[in-house]
Amino acid sequence: MPESSFSILSEIGSIPSGNGEEIKFTVDSFKGHKYVSVRKYLKSDSYSGPTKAGITLSPEIAGKISAALNALPDDYKASQDSELGKYAKRQGLSVILRISSYLNTNGIDIRQWQEDETYTGWTKKGIRLPLEKLPEIKRLFLQTVKYFEDNK
């Protein structure tokens, strides 16, 4: 397989989110680089597969997110929005992990934040995970970290 091709190396697991949707955690490879993908997938009569809703993370950032989430108790209920971490992806681009409220539900947002001379603010890249699935999310991130430890 050529170096420039995309491939899924490992399907870590998924979280069903209803209406034929699920959020999949995978380890992927593109141009020889391995990364973590957390992406929403659809399954319907007209389309089945990945959506644009999702984010890719380096193994290092996935490990930091895993550590930040594991510091929360499994029964964590956010009483207010809070930032749990900000991780540099490259110059001018970071991944922000936060607990936020949207439409009266609390969720875990993992979203890119751009800060440069052309734009400052949220990008379209990101995913919202249901806070009530925190134990499952923790487990999936831990399995992702373990994958990279076992496959150096």
Protein backbone atom coordinates (compact mmCIF):
# COMPACT_ATOMS: atom_id res chain seq x y z
CA MET A 1 0.00 0.00 0.00
CA PRO A 2 1.49 3.41 -0.95
CA GLU A 3 2.55 5.79 1.81
CA SER A 4 -0.03 8.38 0.72
CA SER A 5 -3.04 6.13 1.28
CA PHE A 6 -5.47 6.25 4.17
CA SER A 7 -6.18 3.15 6.23
CA ILE A 8 -7.96 2.27 9.46
CA LEU A 9 -5.44 0.38 11.60
CA SER A 10 -7.73 -0.46 14.51
CA GLU A 11 -11.36 0.07 15.44
CA ILE A 12 -11.15 0.81 19.16
CA GLY A 13 -14.89 0.94 19.81
CA SER A 14 -18.03 3.00 19.48
CA ILE A 15 -20.77 4.75 21.42
CA PRO A 16 -24.32 4.45 20.04
CA SER A 17 -26.01 7.83 19.97
CA GLY A 18 -29.46 6.94 18.59
CA ASN A 19 -31.20 7.58 15.28
CA GLY A 20 -28.82 5.28 13.41
CA GLU A 21 -25.81 7.26 14.61
CA GLU A 22 -22.73 6.18 16.51
CA ILE A 23 -19.44 7.76 17.47
CA LYS A 24 -16.46 5.62 16.52
CA PHE A 25 -12.98 5.70 17.98
CA THR A 26 -10.38 4.45 15.48
CA VAL A 27 -6.64 4.52 14.97
CA ASP A 28 -5.90 5.55 11.40
CA SER A 29 -2.88 6.05 9.21
CA PHE A 30 -2.33 8.62 6.49
CA LYS A 31 0.96 9.25 4.70
CA GLY A 32 2.75 7.11 7.25
CA HIS A 33 1.43 9.04 10.29
CA LYS A 34 -0.77 7.36 12.89
CA TYR A 35 -3.51 9.31 14.62
CA VAL A 36 -6.75 8.90 16.57
CA SER A 37 -10.06 9.67 14.93
CA VAL A 38 -13.23 10.31 16.94
CA ARG A 39 -15.99 10.62 14.37
CA LYS A 40 -19.77 10.40 14.03
CA TYR A 41 -21.02 7.68 11.66
CA LEU A 42 -24.49 7.33 10.15
CA LYS A 43 -26.36 4.21 9.14
CA SER A 44 -29.47 4.76 7.02
CA ASP A 45 -31.11 3.57 3.82
CA SER A 46 -29.59 6.43 1.83
CA TYR A 47 -26.09 6.62 3.38
CA SER A 48 -23.91 4.63 5.73
CA GLY A 49 -20.48 5.82 6.74
CA PRO A 50 -18.50 8.65 8.34
CA THR A 51 -19.73 12.23 8.59
CA LYS A 52 -17.78 15.48 8.75
CA ALA A 53 -18.51 15.68 12.50
CA GLY A 54 -15.33 14.55 14.19
CA ILE A 55 -11.75 15.29 15.02
CA THR A 56 -8.32 13.75 14.55
CA LEU A 57 -5.84 13.74 17.40
CA SER A 58 -2.18 12.91 17.70
CA PRO A 59 -1.38 10.03 20.08
CA GLU A 60 0.10 12.59 22.50
CA ILE A 61 -3.04 14.76 22.58
CA ALA A 62 -5.26 11.66 22.92
CA GLY A 63 -3.16 10.64 25.95
CA LYS A 64 -3.55 14.08 27.54
CA ILE A 65 -7.31 14.05 26.93
CA SER A 66 -7.50 10.57 28.44
CA ALA A 67 -5.67 11.76 31.57
CA ALA A 68 -7.91 14.83 31.93
CA LEU A 69 -11.09 12.77 31.56
CA ASN A 70 -9.86 10.09 33.97
CA ALA A 71 -9.41 12.79 36.63
CA LEU A 72 -13.21 13.25 36.60
CA PRO A 73 -15.43 10.93 38.68
CA ASP A 74 -17.56 8.54 36.59
CA ASP A 75 -20.76 10.13 37.90
CA TYR A 76 -19.59 13.64 37.03
CA LYS A 77 -22.44 16.06 36.39
CA ALA A 78 -21.33 19.48 35.16
CA SER A 79 -22.92 22.35 37.01
CA GLN A 80 -21.28 24.95 34.78
CA ASP A 81 -19.22 25.10 31.61
CA SER A 82 -15.54 24.48 32.21
CA GLU A 83 -12.38 24.03 30.18
CA LEU A 84 -10.46 20.88 31.07
CA GLY A 85 -7.47 21.38 28.80
CA LYS A 86 -5.95 23.13 25.81
CA TYR A 87 -3.42 21.19 23.72
CA ALA A 88 -1.30 22.64 20.91
CA LYS A 89 -1.77 20.79 17.64
CA ARG A 90 0.55 23.10 15.70
CA GLN A 91 1.39 26.81 15.69
CA GLY A 92 -1.91 28.71 15.82
CA LEU A 93 -4.10 25.62 16.21
CA SER A 94 -5.11 23.93 19.47
CA VAL A 95 -7.52 21.26 20.61
CA ILE A 96 -9.72 22.32 23.52
CA LEU A 97 -11.37 19.81 25.84
CA ARG A 98 -14.32 21.22 27.74
CA ILE A 99 -17.57 20.39 29.43
CA SER A 100 -20.35 22.56 28.06
CA SER A 101 -24.09 22.92 28.17
CA TYR A 102 -26.08 23.02 24.93
CA LEU A 103 -29.86 22.73 24.62
CA ASN A 104 -30.09 21.90 28.34
CA THR A 105 -27.74 18.90 28.10
CA ASN A 106 -24.16 18.66 29.25
CA GLY A 107 -21.56 17.21 26.93
CA ILE A 108 -17.85 16.78 26.39
CA ASP A 109 -16.63 18.96 23.55
CA ILE A 110 -13.35 18.20 21.82
CA ARG A 111 -12.92 20.99 19.30
CA GLN A 112 -10.21 22.84 17.41
CA TRP A 113 -9.46 26.47 18.20
CA GLN A 114 -7.58 28.59 15.67
CA GLU A 115 -5.60 31.66 16.64
CA ASP A 116 -3.64 33.43 13.91
CA GLU A 117 -3.56 36.61 11.80
CA THR A 118 -6.45 35.46 9.57
CA TYR A 119 -8.93 34.11 12.14
CA THR A 120 -9.44 33.59 15.85
CA GLY A 121 -12.16 31.23 17.01
CA TRP A 122 -13.63 27.75 16.73
CA THR A 123 -13.11 25.75 13.56
CA LYS A 124 -15.60 23.27 12.10
CA LYS A 125 -13.51 20.33 13.31
CA GLY A 126 -14.73 18.80 16.53
CA ILE A 127 -17.09 16.40 18.23
CA ARG A 128 -19.54 16.51 21.12
CA LEU A 129 -19.74 13.43 23.30
CA PRO A 130 -22.62 12.73 25.72
CA LEU A 131 -21.51 13.39 29.30
CA GLU A 132 -23.73 10.57 30.59
CA LYS A 133 -21.43 8.16 28.67
CA LEU A 134 -18.32 9.37 30.53
CA PRO A 135 -17.27 5.90 31.82
CA GLU A 136 -17.44 4.50 28.25
CA ILE A 137 -15.58 7.51 26.84
CA LYS A 138 -12.85 7.10 29.46
CA ARG A 139 -12.53 3.41 28.57
CA LEU A 140 -12.27 4.13 24.84
CA PHE A 141 -9.58 6.76 25.35
CA LEU A 142 -7.65 4.38 27.64
CA GLN A 143 -7.85 1.64 24.98
CA THR A 144 -6.56 4.12 22.41
CA VAL A 145 -3.60 5.02 24.62
CA LYS A 146 -2.91 1.32 25.17
CA TYR A 147 -2.95 0.69 21.41
CA PHE A 148 -0.11 3.20 20.94
CA GLU A 149 1.84 1.77 23.89
CA ASP A 150 1.55 -1.75 22.41
CA ASN A 151 2.31 -0.68 18.81
CA LYS A 152 5.32 1.63 19.03
